[in-house]
Amino acid sequence: MCFIPESRVRDFELDVRENNETLIESILPKNVFKYNVSDPVNTYLDIKLLVQTLSEFSRPLLIPLGPKILSAMCVLVAEEFSYEVPVWRVSSEHTELPVDRAATGEEITFTVSL
């Protein structure tokens, strides 16, 4: 399964698709989902539902490739499942040069109560 971020910044999704073209093409289209980076609550709910469903017959593993809001939602889902769902950190530091990306200026906030 693959979650692709959508943003108000149109070039963002295009860049994500271009940079991950090989990975995305290796996944069946029915297993590619979009999520809105400006809506972390619905992203959380989507990931949670997917993990609940997959947990019935497998051991899900979450590997958020970015953006950071997706990583945060994955960690929250893992916490809710008592960390029985691993969240792996992936980095391309050895294959890509660092890029200084400017922030969009859009602030996304959410509150967590444990």
PDB file of N, CA and C in Angstrom:
ATOM      1  N   MET A   1       0.838  -1.169   0.000  1.00  0.00           N
ATOM      2  CA  MET A   1       0.000   0.000   0.000  1.00  0.00           C
ATOM      3  C   MET A   1       0.885   1.235   0.000  1.00  0.00           C
ATOM      4  N   CYS A   2       0.387   2.256  -0.601  1.00  0.00           N
ATOM      5  CA  CYS A   2       1.168   3.490  -0.737  1.00  0.00           C
ATOM      6  C   CYS A   2       0.239   4.686  -0.532  1.00  0.00           C
ATOM      7  N   PHE A   3       0.662   5.627   0.298  1.00  0.00           N
ATOM      8  CA  PHE A   3      -0.078   6.864   0.516  1.00  0.00           C
ATOM      9  C   PHE A   3       0.681   8.001  -0.156  1.00  0.00           C
ATOM     10  N   ILE A   4       0.002   8.720  -1.028  1.00  0.00           N
ATOM     11  CA  ILE A   4       0.619   9.834  -1.748  1.00  0.00           C
ATOM     12  C   ILE A   4       0.020  11.143  -1.232  1.00  0.00           C
ATOM     13  N   PRO A   5       0.892  12.078  -0.812  1.00  0.00           N
ATOM     14  CA  PRO A   5       0.381  13.332  -0.250  1.00  0.00           C
ATOM     15  C   PRO A   5      -0.177  14.269  -1.310  1.00  0.00           C
ATOM     16  N   GLU A   6      -1.260  14.931  -0.932  1.00  0.00           N
ATOM     17  CA  GLU A   6      -1.835  16.021  -1.728  1.00  0.00           C
ATOM     18  C   GLU A   6      -1.649  17.299  -0.926  1.00  0.00           C
ATOM     19  N   SER A   7      -1.428  18.379  -1.622  1.00  0.00           N
ATOM     20  CA  SER A   7      -1.187  19.651  -0.969  1.00  0.00           C
ATOM     21  C   SER A   7      -1.770  20.765  -1.820  1.00  0.00           C
ATOM     22  N   ARG A   8      -1.924  21.922  -1.208  1.00  0.00           N
ATOM     23  CA  ARG A   8      -2.347  23.099  -1.968  1.00  0.00           C
ATOM     24  C   ARG A   8      -1.255  23.528  -2.942  1.00  0.00           C
ATOM     25  N   VAL A   9      -0.037  23.115  -2.653  1.00  0.00           N
ATOM     26  CA  VAL A   9       1.092  23.406  -3.536  1.00  0.00           C
ATOM     27  C   VAL A   9       1.101  22.335  -4.615  1.00  0.00           C
ATOM     28  N   ARG A  10       0.615  22.670  -5.787  1.00  0.00           N
ATOM     29  CA  ARG A  10       0.421  21.715  -6.884  1.00  0.00           C
ATOM     30  C   ARG A  10       1.699  20.979  -7.260  1.00  0.00           C
ATOM     31  N   ASP A  11       2.819  21.673  -7.290  1.00  0.00           N
ATOM     32  CA  ASP A  11       4.081  21.047  -7.683  1.00  0.00           C
ATOM     33  C   ASP A  11       4.526  19.976  -6.691  1.00  0.00           C
ATOM     34  N   PHE A  12       4.033  20.043  -5.453  1.00  0.00           N
ATOM     35  CA  PHE A  12       4.445  19.091  -4.434  1.00  0.00           C
ATOM     36  C   PHE A  12       4.093  17.658  -4.840  1.00  0.00           C
ATOM     37  N   GLU A  13       2.823  17.413  -5.183  1.00  0.00           N
ATOM     38  CA  GLU A  13       2.407  16.062  -5.577  1.00  0.00           C
ATOM     39  C   GLU A  13       3.133  15.628  -6.848  1.00  0.00           C
ATOM     40  N   LEU A  14       3.308  16.530  -7.780  1.00  0.00           N
ATOM     41  CA  LEU A  14       4.030  16.182  -9.008  1.00  0.00           C
ATOM     42  C   LEU A  14       5.458  15.754  -8.706  1.00  0.00           C
ATOM     43  N   ASP A  15       6.119  16.477  -7.811  1.00  0.00           N
ATOM     44  CA  ASP A  15       7.484  16.124  -7.431  1.00  0.00           C
ATOM     45  C   ASP A  15       7.525  14.776  -6.710  1.00  0.00           C
ATOM     46  N   VAL A  16       6.566  14.544  -5.829  1.00  0.00           N
ATOM     47  CA  VAL A  16       6.506  13.258  -5.114  1.00  0.00           C
ATOM     48  C   VAL A  16       6.351  12.123  -6.110  1.00  0.00           C
ATOM     49  N   ARG A  17       5.432  12.276  -7.046  1.00  0.00           N
ATOM     50  CA  ARG A  17       5.209  11.224  -8.044  1.00  0.00           C
ATOM     51  C   ARG A  17       6.440  11.004  -8.922  1.00  0.00           C
ATOM     52  N   GLU A  18       7.084  12.090  -9.304  1.00  0.00           N
ATOM     53  CA  GLU A  18       8.272  11.969 -10.148  1.00  0.00           C
ATOM     54  C   GLU A  18       9.428  11.308  -9.388  1.00  0.00           C
ATOM     55  N   ASN A  19       9.660  11.728  -8.156  1.00  0.00           N
ATOM     56  CA  ASN A  19      10.766  11.199  -7.361  1.00  0.00           C
ATOM     57  C   ASN A  19      10.554   9.753  -6.933  1.00  0.00           C
ATOM     58  N   ASN A  20       9.317   9.301  -6.923  1.00  0.00           N
ATOM     59  CA  ASN A  20       9.010   7.945  -6.465  1.00  0.00           C
ATOM     60  C   ASN A  20       8.362   7.105  -7.558  1.00  0.00           C
ATOM     61  N   GLU A  21       8.590   7.485  -8.788  1.00  0.00           N
ATOM     62  CA  GLU A  21       7.935   6.841  -9.928  1.00  0.00           C
ATOM     63  C   GLU A  21       8.127   5.322  -9.933  1.00  0.00           C
ATOM     64  N   THR A  22       9.328   4.856  -9.722  1.00  0.00           N
ATOM     65  CA  THR A  22       9.610   3.413  -9.750  1.00  0.00           C
ATOM     66  C   THR A  22       8.825   2.681  -8.667  1.00  0.00           C
ATOM     67  N   LEU A  23       8.811   3.239  -7.468  1.00  0.00           N
ATOM     68  CA  LEU A  23       8.071   2.623  -6.365  1.00  0.00           C
ATOM     69  C   LEU A  23       6.577   2.603  -6.661  1.00  0.00           C
ATOM     70  N   ILE A  24       6.026   3.731  -7.074  1.00  0.00           N
ATOM     71  CA  ILE A  24       4.586   3.839  -7.324  1.00  0.00           C
ATOM     72  C   ILE A  24       4.154   2.896  -8.440  1.00  0.00           C
ATOM     73  N   GLU A  25       4.963   2.787  -9.482  1.00  0.00           N
ATOM     74  CA  GLU A  25       4.617   1.899 -10.591  1.00  0.00           C
ATOM     75  C   GLU A  25       4.646   0.428 -10.198  1.00  0.00           C
ATOM     76  N   SER A  26       5.363   0.091  -9.131  1.00  0.00           N
ATOM     77  CA  SER A  26       5.441  -1.299  -8.689  1.00  0.00           C
ATOM     78  C   SER A  26       4.252  -1.712  -7.831  1.00  0.00           C
ATOM     79  N   ILE A  27       3.380  -0.756  -7.516  1.00  0.00           N
ATOM     80  CA  ILE A  27       2.221  -1.008  -6.646  1.00  0.00           C
ATOM     81  C   ILE A  27       0.956  -0.973  -7.488  1.00  0.00           C
ATOM     82  N   LEU A  28       0.068  -1.930  -7.243  1.00  0.00           N
ATOM     83  CA  LEU A  28      -1.205  -1.937  -7.968  1.00  0.00           C
ATOM     84  C   LEU A  28      -1.952  -0.629  -7.721  1.00  0.00           C
ATOM     85  N   PRO A  29      -2.561  -0.048  -8.755  1.00  0.00           N
ATOM     86  CA  PRO A  29      -3.283   1.224  -8.581  1.00  0.00           C
ATOM     87  C   PRO A  29      -4.332   1.186  -7.461  1.00  0.00           C
ATOM     88  N   LYS A  30      -4.969   0.045  -7.242  1.00  0.00           N
ATOM     89  CA  LYS A  30      -5.985  -0.037  -6.182  1.00  0.00           C
ATOM     90  C   LYS A  30      -5.374   0.077  -4.783  1.00  0.00           C
ATOM     91  N   ASN A  31      -4.045  -0.047  -4.687  1.00  0.00           N
ATOM     92  CA  ASN A  31      -3.354   0.046  -3.408  1.00  0.00           C
ATOM     93  C   ASN A  31      -2.619   1.373  -3.221  1.00  0.00           C
ATOM     94  N   VAL A  32      -2.918   2.336  -4.076  1.00  0.00           N
ATOM     95  CA  VAL A  32      -2.324   3.667  -3.971  1.00  0.00           C
ATOM     96  C   VAL A  32      -3.423   4.627  -3.505  1.00  0.00           C
ATOM     97  N   PHE A  33      -3.179   5.258  -2.360  1.00  0.00           N
ATOM     98  CA  PHE A  33      -4.162   6.157  -1.764  1.00  0.00           C
ATOM     99  C   PHE A  33      -3.583   7.556  -1.671  1.00  0.00           C
ATOM    100  N   LYS A  34      -4.440   8.544  -1.748  1.00  0.00           N
ATOM    101  CA  LYS A  34      -4.028   9.933  -1.563  1.00  0.00           C
ATOM    102  C   LYS A  34      -4.473  10.387  -0.179  1.00  0.00           C
ATOM    103  N   TYR A  35      -3.689  11.290   0.407  1.00  0.00           N
ATOM    104  CA  TYR A  35      -4.096  11.910   1.659  1.00  0.00           C
ATOM    105  C   TYR A  35      -3.736  13.384   1.597  1.00  0.00           C
ATOM    106  N   ASN A  36      -4.495  14.186   2.308  1.00  0.00           N
ATOM    107  CA  ASN A  36      -4.302  15.635   2.323  1.00  0.00           C
ATOM    108  C   ASN A  36      -3.391  15.993   3.490  1.00  0.00           C
ATOM    109  N   VAL A  37      -2.225  16.575   3.197  1.00  0.00           N
ATOM    110  CA  VAL A  37      -1.287  16.929   4.271  1.00  0.00           C
ATOM    111  C   VAL A  37      -1.871  17.973   5.222  1.00  0.00           C
ATOM    112  N   SER A  38      -2.892  18.682   4.794  1.00  0.00           N
ATOM    113  CA  SER A  38      -3.528  19.696   5.641  1.00  0.00           C
ATOM    114  C   SER A  38      -4.606  19.111   6.543  1.00  0.00           C
ATOM    115  N   ASP A  39      -4.816  17.802   6.468  1.00  0.00           N
ATOM    116  CA  ASP A  39      -5.873  17.163   7.244  1.00  0.00           C
ATOM    117  C   ASP A  39      -5.320  15.947   7.994  1.00  0.00           C
ATOM    118  N   PRO A  40      -4.501  16.188   9.025  1.00  0.00           N
ATOM    119  CA  PRO A  40      -3.871  15.071   9.723  1.00  0.00           C
ATOM    120  C   PRO A  40      -4.856  14.132  10.414  1.00  0.00           C
ATOM    121  N   VAL A  41      -6.000  14.633  10.845  1.00  0.00           N
ATOM    122  CA  VAL A  41      -6.963  13.774  11.538  1.00  0.00           C
ATOM    123  C   VAL A  41      -7.497  12.698  10.594  1.00  0.00           C
ATOM    124  N   ASN A  42      -7.912  13.078   9.406  1.00  0.00           N
ATOM    125  CA  ASN A  42      -8.401  12.077   8.458  1.00  0.00           C
ATOM    126  C   ASN A  42      -7.284  11.140   8.000  1.00  0.00           C
ATOM    127  N   THR A  43      -6.074  11.663   7.874  1.00  0.00           N
ATOM    128  CA  THR A  43      -4.936  10.807   7.529  1.00  0.00           C
ATOM    129  C   THR A  43      -4.729   9.766   8.621  1.00  0.00           C
ATOM    130  N   TYR A  44      -4.770  10.201   9.869  1.00  0.00           N
ATOM    131  CA  TYR A  44      -4.656   9.287  11.005  1.00  0.00           C
ATOM    132  C   TYR A  44      -5.738   8.209  10.950  1.00  0.00           C
ATOM    133  N   LEU A  45      -6.975   8.625  10.730  1.00  0.00           N
ATOM    134  CA  LEU A  45      -8.092   7.672  10.687  1.00  0.00           C
ATOM    135  C   LEU A  45      -7.942   6.680   9.540  1.00  0.00           C
ATOM    136  N   ASP A  46      -7.476   7.147   8.394  1.00  0.00           N
ATOM    137  CA  ASP A  46      -7.266   6.253   7.248  1.00  0.00           C
ATOM    138  C   ASP A  46      -6.187   5.213   7.546  1.00  0.00           C
ATOM    139  N   ILE A  47      -5.078   5.665   8.133  1.00  0.00           N
ATOM    140  CA  ILE A  47      -3.994   4.737   8.466  1.00  0.00           C
ATOM    141  C   ILE A  47      -4.464   3.743   9.522  1.00  0.00           C
ATOM    142  N   LYS A  48      -5.170   4.231  10.519  1.00  0.00           N
ATOM    143  CA  LYS A  48      -5.665   3.354  11.591  1.00  0.00           C
ATOM    144  C   LYS A  48      -6.593   2.282  11.022  1.00  0.00           C
ATOM    145  N   LEU A  49      -7.520   2.670  10.164  1.00  0.00           N
ATOM    146  CA  LEU A  49      -8.444   1.705   9.566  1.00  0.00           C
ATOM    147  C   LEU A  49      -7.684   0.677   8.729  1.00  0.00           C
ATOM    148  N   LEU A  50      -6.711   1.131   7.974  1.00  0.00           N
ATOM    149  CA  LEU A  50      -5.913   0.223   7.165  1.00  0.00           C
ATOM    150  C   LEU A  50      -5.157  -0.768   8.052  1.00  0.00           C
ATOM    151  N   VAL A  51      -4.553  -0.280   9.118  1.00  0.00           N
ATOM    152  CA  VAL A  51      -3.810  -1.151  10.030  1.00  0.00           C
ATOM    153  C   VAL A  51      -4.759  -2.145  10.706  1.00  0.00           C
ATOM    154  N   GLN A  52      -5.930  -1.696  11.140  1.00  0.00           N
ATOM    155  CA  GLN A  52      -6.907  -2.599  11.751  1.00  0.00           C
ATOM    156  C   GLN A  52      -7.298  -3.710  10.784  1.00  0.00           C
ATOM    157  N   THR A  53      -7.561  -3.346   9.557  1.00  0.00           N
ATOM    158  CA  THR A  53      -7.969  -4.317   8.544  1.00  0.00           C
ATOM    159  C   THR A  53      -6.847  -5.307   8.254  1.00  0.00           C
ATOM    160  N   LEU A  54      -5.656  -4.801   8.032  1.00  0.00           N
ATOM    161  CA  LEU A  54      -4.524  -5.670   7.709  1.00  0.00           C
ATOM    162  C   LEU A  54      -4.137  -6.559   8.889  1.00  0.00           C
ATOM    163  N   SER A  55      -4.344  -6.070  10.109  1.00  0.00           N
ATOM    164  CA  SER A  55      -3.971  -6.833  11.307  1.00  0.00           C
ATOM    165  C   SER A  55      -4.790  -8.109  11.464  1.00  0.00           C
ATOM    166  N   GLU A  56      -5.909  -8.175  10.781  1.00  0.00           N
ATOM    167  CA  GLU A  56      -6.751  -9.372  10.887  1.00  0.00           C
ATOM    168  C   GLU A  56      -6.094 -10.581  10.237  1.00  0.00           C
ATOM    169  N   PHE A  57      -5.177 -10.366   9.283  1.00  0.00           N
ATOM    170  CA  PHE A  57      -4.569 -11.500   8.581  1.00  0.00           C
ATOM    171  C   PHE A  57      -3.064 -11.335   8.334  1.00  0.00           C
ATOM    172  N   SER A  58      -2.454 -10.247   8.847  1.00  0.00           N
ATOM    173  CA  SER A  58      -1.023 -10.053   8.637  1.00  0.00           C
ATOM    174  C   SER A  58      -0.448  -9.174   9.742  1.00  0.00           C
ATOM    175  N   ARG A  59       0.837  -8.900   9.659  1.00  0.00           N
ATOM    176  CA  ARG A  59       1.511  -8.008  10.609  1.00  0.00           C
ATOM    177  C   ARG A  59       1.947  -6.757   9.869  1.00  0.00           C
ATOM    178  N   PRO A  60       1.136  -5.704   9.894  1.00  0.00           N
ATOM    179  CA  PRO A  60       1.470  -4.483   9.155  1.00  0.00           C
ATOM    180  C   PRO A  60       2.760  -3.838   9.653  1.00  0.00           C
ATOM    181  N   LEU A  61       3.413  -3.167   8.755  1.00  0.00           N
ATOM    182  CA  LEU A  61       4.627  -2.407   9.016  1.00  0.00           C
ATOM    183  C   LEU A  61       4.447  -1.054   8.336  1.00  0.00           C
ATOM    184  N   LEU A  62       4.652   0.016   9.087  1.00  0.00           N
ATOM    185  CA  LEU A  62       4.502   1.362   8.525  1.00  0.00           C
ATOM    186  C   LEU A  62       5.879   1.926   8.211  1.00  0.00           C
ATOM    187  N   ILE A  63       6.053   2.382   6.963  1.00  0.00           N
ATOM    188  CA  ILE A  63       7.316   2.968   6.528  1.00  0.00           C
ATOM    189  C   ILE A  63       7.011   4.320   5.877  1.00  0.00           C
ATOM    190  N   PRO A  64       6.837   5.359   6.694  1.00  0.00           N
ATOM    191  CA  PRO A  64       6.534   6.679   6.120  1.00  0.00           C
ATOM    192  C   PRO A  64       7.768   7.284   5.455  1.00  0.00           C
ATOM    193  N   LEU A  65       7.635   7.618   4.183  1.00  0.00           N
ATOM    194  CA  LEU A  65       8.743   8.231   3.449  1.00  0.00           C
ATOM    195  C   LEU A  65       8.665   9.751   3.493  1.00  0.00           C
ATOM    196  N   GLY A  66       7.600  10.277   4.019  1.00  0.00           N
ATOM    197  CA  GLY A  66       7.443  11.723   4.122  1.00  0.00           C
ATOM    198  C   GLY A  66       6.108  12.133   3.562  1.00  0.00           C
ATOM    199  N   PRO A  67       5.676  13.319   3.798  1.00  0.00           N
ATOM    200  CA  PRO A  67       6.279  14.343   4.632  1.00  0.00           C
ATOM    201  C   PRO A  67       6.158  14.002   6.121  1.00  0.00           C
ATOM    202  N   LYS A  68       6.681  14.868   6.946  1.00  0.00           N
ATOM    203  CA  LYS A  68       6.746  14.610   8.384  1.00  0.00           C
ATOM    204  C   LYS A  68       5.372  14.390   9.017  1.00  0.00           C
ATOM    205  N   ILE A  69       4.343  15.027   8.479  1.00  0.00           N
ATOM    206  CA  ILE A  69       3.003  14.842   9.047  1.00  0.00           C
ATOM    207  C   ILE A  69       2.571  13.383   8.934  1.00  0.00           C
ATOM    208  N   LEU A  70       2.964  12.699   7.864  1.00  0.00           N
ATOM    209  CA  LEU A  70       2.640  11.282   7.716  1.00  0.00           C
ATOM    210  C   LEU A  70       3.387  10.462   8.765  1.00  0.00           C
ATOM    211  N   SER A  71       4.643  10.781   8.997  1.00  0.00           N
ATOM    212  CA  SER A  71       5.413  10.077  10.025  1.00  0.00           C
ATOM    213  C   SER A  71       4.761  10.247  11.393  1.00  0.00           C
ATOM    214  N   ALA A  72       4.334  11.457  11.696  1.00  0.00           N
ATOM    215  CA  ALA A  72       3.680  11.711  12.985  1.00  0.00           C
ATOM    216  C   ALA A  72       2.405  10.881  13.133  1.00  0.00           C
ATOM    217  N   MET A  73       1.605  10.809  12.079  1.00  0.00           N
ATOM    218  CA  MET A  73       0.364  10.037  12.154  1.00  0.00           C
ATOM    219  C   MET A  73       0.655   8.539  12.291  1.00  0.00           C
ATOM    220  N   CYS A  74       1.693   8.067  11.643  1.00  0.00           N
ATOM    221  CA  CYS A  74       2.071   6.650  11.758  1.00  0.00           C
ATOM    222  C   CYS A  74       2.507   6.314  13.180  1.00  0.00           C
ATOM    223  N   VAL A  75       3.269   7.206  13.800  1.00  0.00           N
ATOM    224  CA  VAL A  75       3.704   6.983  15.179  1.00  0.00           C
ATOM    225  C   VAL A  75       2.495   6.970  16.117  1.00  0.00           C
ATOM    226  N   LEU A  76       1.526   7.838  15.886  1.00  0.00           N
ATOM    227  CA  LEU A  76       0.321   7.848  16.723  1.00  0.00           C
ATOM    228  C   LEU A  76      -0.484   6.563  16.562  1.00  0.00           C
ATOM    229  N   VAL A  77      -0.597   6.073  15.342  1.00  0.00           N
ATOM    230  CA  VAL A  77      -1.300   4.809  15.118  1.00  0.00           C
ATOM    231  C   VAL A  77      -0.553   3.681  15.828  1.00  0.00           C
ATOM    232  N   ALA A  78       0.761   3.644  15.701  1.00  0.00           N
ATOM    233  CA  ALA A  78       1.557   2.608  16.368  1.00  0.00           C
ATOM    234  C   ALA A  78       1.359   2.667  17.879  1.00  0.00           C
ATOM    235  N   GLU A  79       1.327   3.858  18.446  1.00  0.00           N
ATOM    236  CA  GLU A  79       1.116   4.005  19.884  1.00  0.00           C
ATOM    237  C   GLU A  79      -0.245   3.447  20.285  1.00  0.00           C
ATOM    238  N   GLU A  80      -1.245   3.716  19.463  1.00  0.00           N
ATOM    239  CA  GLU A  80      -2.590   3.220  19.788  1.00  0.00           C
ATOM    240  C   GLU A  80      -2.655   1.691  19.760  1.00  0.00           C
ATOM    241  N   PHE A  81      -1.807   1.078  18.944  1.00  0.00           N
ATOM    242  CA  PHE A  81      -1.740  -0.383  18.869  1.00  0.00           C
ATOM    243  C   PHE A  81      -0.656  -0.922  19.807  1.00  0.00           C
ATOM    244  N   SER A  82      -0.339  -0.163  20.848  1.00  0.00           N
ATOM    245  CA  SER A  82       0.660  -0.557  21.851  1.00  0.00           C
ATOM    246  C   SER A  82       2.008  -0.876  21.214  1.00  0.00           C
ATOM    247  N   TYR A  83       2.328  -0.181  20.177  1.00  0.00           N
ATOM    248  CA  TYR A  83       3.598  -0.326  19.451  1.00  0.00           C
ATOM    249  C   TYR A  83       3.815  -1.730  18.888  1.00  0.00           C
ATOM    250  N   GLU A  84       2.723  -2.465  18.691  1.00  0.00           N
ATOM    251  CA  GLU A  84       2.821  -3.762  18.026  1.00  0.00           C
ATOM    252  C   GLU A  84       2.952  -3.583  16.513  1.00  0.00           C
ATOM    253  N   VAL A  85       2.680  -2.388  16.037  1.00  0.00           N
ATOM    254  CA  VAL A  85       2.856  -2.046  14.622  1.00  0.00           C
ATOM    255  C   VAL A  85       4.131  -1.218  14.520  1.00  0.00           C
ATOM    256  N   PRO A  86       5.191  -1.796  13.935  1.00  0.00           N
ATOM    257  CA  PRO A  86       6.445  -1.044  13.851  1.00  0.00           C
ATOM    258  C   PRO A  86       6.365   0.111  12.850  1.00  0.00           C
ATOM    259  N   VAL A  87       7.083   1.168  13.159  1.00  0.00           N
ATOM    260  CA  VAL A  87       7.236   2.308  12.251  1.00  0.00           C
ATOM    261  C   VAL A  87       8.728   2.415  11.969  1.00  0.00           C
ATOM    262  N   TRP A  88       9.094   2.232  10.717  1.00  0.00           N
ATOM    263  CA  TRP A  88      10.500   2.290  10.325  1.00  0.00           C
ATOM    264  C   TRP A  88      10.833   3.646   9.743  1.00  0.00           C
ATOM    265  N   ARG A  89      12.015   4.120  10.064  1.00  0.00           N
ATOM    266  CA  ARG A  89      12.527   5.361   9.488  1.00  0.00           C
ATOM    267  C   ARG A  89      13.360   4.989   8.272  1.00  0.00           C
ATOM    268  N   VAL A  90      13.121   5.669   7.179  1.00  0.00           N
ATOM    269  CA  VAL A  90      13.862   5.422   5.947  1.00  0.00           C
ATOM    270  C   VAL A  90      14.546   6.716   5.535  1.00  0.00           C
ATOM    271  N   SER A  91      15.766   6.609   5.088  1.00  0.00           N
ATOM    272  CA  SER A  91      16.505   7.779   4.650  1.00  0.00           C
ATOM    273  C   SER A  91      17.197   7.482   3.327  1.00  0.00           C
ATOM    274  N   SER A  92      17.307   8.487   2.507  1.00  0.00           N
ATOM    275  CA  SER A  92      18.023   8.345   1.236  1.00  0.00           C
ATOM    276  C   SER A  92      19.356   9.072   1.291  1.00  0.00           C
ATOM    277  N   GLU A  93      19.863   9.279   2.500  1.00  0.00           N
ATOM    278  CA  GLU A  93      21.055  10.105   2.675  1.00  0.00           C
ATOM    279  C   GLU A  93      22.264   9.626   1.881  1.00  0.00           C
ATOM    280  N   HIS A  94      22.336   8.332   1.577  1.00  0.00           N
ATOM    281  CA  HIS A  94      23.500   7.826   0.856  1.00  0.00           C
ATOM    282  C   HIS A  94      23.341   7.902  -0.660  1.00  0.00           C
ATOM    283  N   THR A  95      22.130   8.118  -1.134  1.00  0.00           N
ATOM    284  CA  THR A  95      21.912   8.111  -2.576  1.00  0.00           C
ATOM    285  C   THR A  95      21.490   9.466  -3.143  1.00  0.00           C
ATOM    286  N   GLU A  96      21.194  10.415  -2.281  1.00  0.00           N
ATOM    287  CA  GLU A  96      20.755  11.724  -2.756  1.00  0.00           C
ATOM    288  C   GLU A  96      21.527  12.829  -2.069  1.00  0.00           C
ATOM    289  N   LEU A  97      21.717  13.900  -2.791  1.00  0.00           N
ATOM    290  CA  LEU A  97      22.332  15.077  -2.194  1.00  0.00           C
ATOM    291  C   LEU A  97      21.277  15.835  -1.389  1.00  0.00           C
ATOM    292  N   PRO A  98      21.659  16.404  -0.246  1.00  0.00           N
ATOM    293  CA  PRO A  98      20.709  17.190   0.540  1.00  0.00           C
ATOM    294  C   PRO A  98      20.173  18.367  -0.273  1.00  0.00           C
ATOM    295  N   VAL A  99      18.901  18.663  -0.066  1.00  0.00           N
ATOM    296  CA  VAL A  99      18.251  19.769  -0.767  1.00  0.00           C
ATOM    297  C   VAL A  99      17.683  20.725   0.273  1.00  0.00           C
ATOM    298  N   ASP A 100      17.955  22.000   0.103  1.00  0.00           N
ATOM    299  CA  ASP A 100      17.403  23.006   1.001  1.00  0.00           C
ATOM    300  C   ASP A 100      16.037  23.405   0.474  1.00  0.00           C
ATOM    301  N   ARG A 101      14.993  22.888   1.094  1.00  0.00           N
ATOM    302  CA  ARG A 101      13.634  23.163   0.633  1.00  0.00           C
ATOM    303  C   ARG A 101      13.013  24.269   1.484  1.00  0.00           C
ATOM    304  N   ALA A 102      12.418  25.200   0.822  1.00  0.00           N
ATOM    305  CA  ALA A 102      11.739  26.296   1.523  1.00  0.00           C
ATOM    306  C   ALA A 102      10.376  25.820   2.004  1.00  0.00           C
ATOM    307  N   ALA A 103      10.010  26.224   3.181  1.00  0.00           N
ATOM    308  CA  ALA A 103       8.688  25.891   3.727  1.00  0.00           C
ATOM    309  C   ALA A 103       7.607  26.632   2.942  1.00  0.00           C
ATOM    310  N   THR A 104       6.423  26.039   2.878  1.00  0.00           N
ATOM    311  CA  THR A 104       5.329  26.658   2.136  1.00  0.00           C
ATOM    312  C   THR A 104       4.730  27.834   2.889  1.00  0.00           C
ATOM    313  N   GLY A 105       4.941  27.865   4.188  1.00  0.00           N
ATOM    314  CA  GLY A 105       4.337  28.915   4.994  1.00  0.00           C
ATOM    315  C   GLY A 105       3.004  28.490   5.578  1.00  0.00           C
ATOM    316  N   GLU A 106       2.484  27.356   5.122  1.00  0.00           N
ATOM    317  CA  GLU A 106       1.220  26.840   5.659  1.00  0.00           C
ATOM    318  C   GLU A 106       1.503  26.099   6.956  1.00  0.00           C
ATOM    319  N   GLU A 107       0.773  26.455   7.996  1.00  0.00           N
ATOM    320  CA  GLU A 107       0.954  25.825   9.299  1.00  0.00           C
ATOM    321  C   GLU A 107      -0.151  24.797   9.517  1.00  0.00           C
ATOM    322  N   ILE A 108       0.267  23.598   9.899  1.00  0.00           N
ATOM    323  CA  ILE A 108      -0.689  22.520  10.163  1.00  0.00           C
ATOM    324  C   ILE A 108      -0.512  22.108  11.609  1.00  0.00           C
ATOM    325  N   THR A 109      -1.593  22.144  12.377  1.00  0.00           N
ATOM    326  CA  THR A 109      -1.503  21.796  13.786  1.00  0.00           C
ATOM    327  C   THR A 109      -2.516  20.720  14.129  1.00  0.00           C
ATOM    328  N   PHE A 110      -2.190  19.957  15.153  1.00  0.00           N
ATOM    329  CA  PHE A 110      -3.120  18.989  15.709  1.00  0.00           C
ATOM    330  C   PHE A 110      -2.769  18.796  17.175  1.00  0.00           C
ATOM    331  N   THR A 111      -3.713  18.322  17.940  1.00  0.00           N
ATOM    332  CA  THR A 111      -3.505  18.100  19.366  1.00  0.00           C
ATOM    333  C   THR A 111      -3.725  16.622  19.662  1.00  0.00           C
ATOM    334  N   VAL A 112      -2.854  16.080  20.492  1.00  0.00           N
ATOM    335  CA  VAL A 112      -2.943  14.679  20.877  1.00  0.00           C
ATOM    336  C   VAL A 112      -3.136  14.602  22.378  1.00  0.00           C
ATOM    337  N   SER A 113      -4.115  13.831  22.809  1.00  0.00           N
ATOM    338  CA  SER A 113      -4.325  13.579  24.232  1.00  0.00           C
ATOM    339  C   SER A 113      -4.148  12.100  24.472  1.00  0.00           C
ATOM    340  N   LEU A 114      -3.260  11.756  25.382  1.00  0.00           N
ATOM    341  CA  LEU A 114      -3.007  10.340  25.696  1.00  0.00           C
ATOM    342  C   LEU A 114      -3.606   9.982  27.041  1.00  0.00           C
TER     343      LEU A 114
END
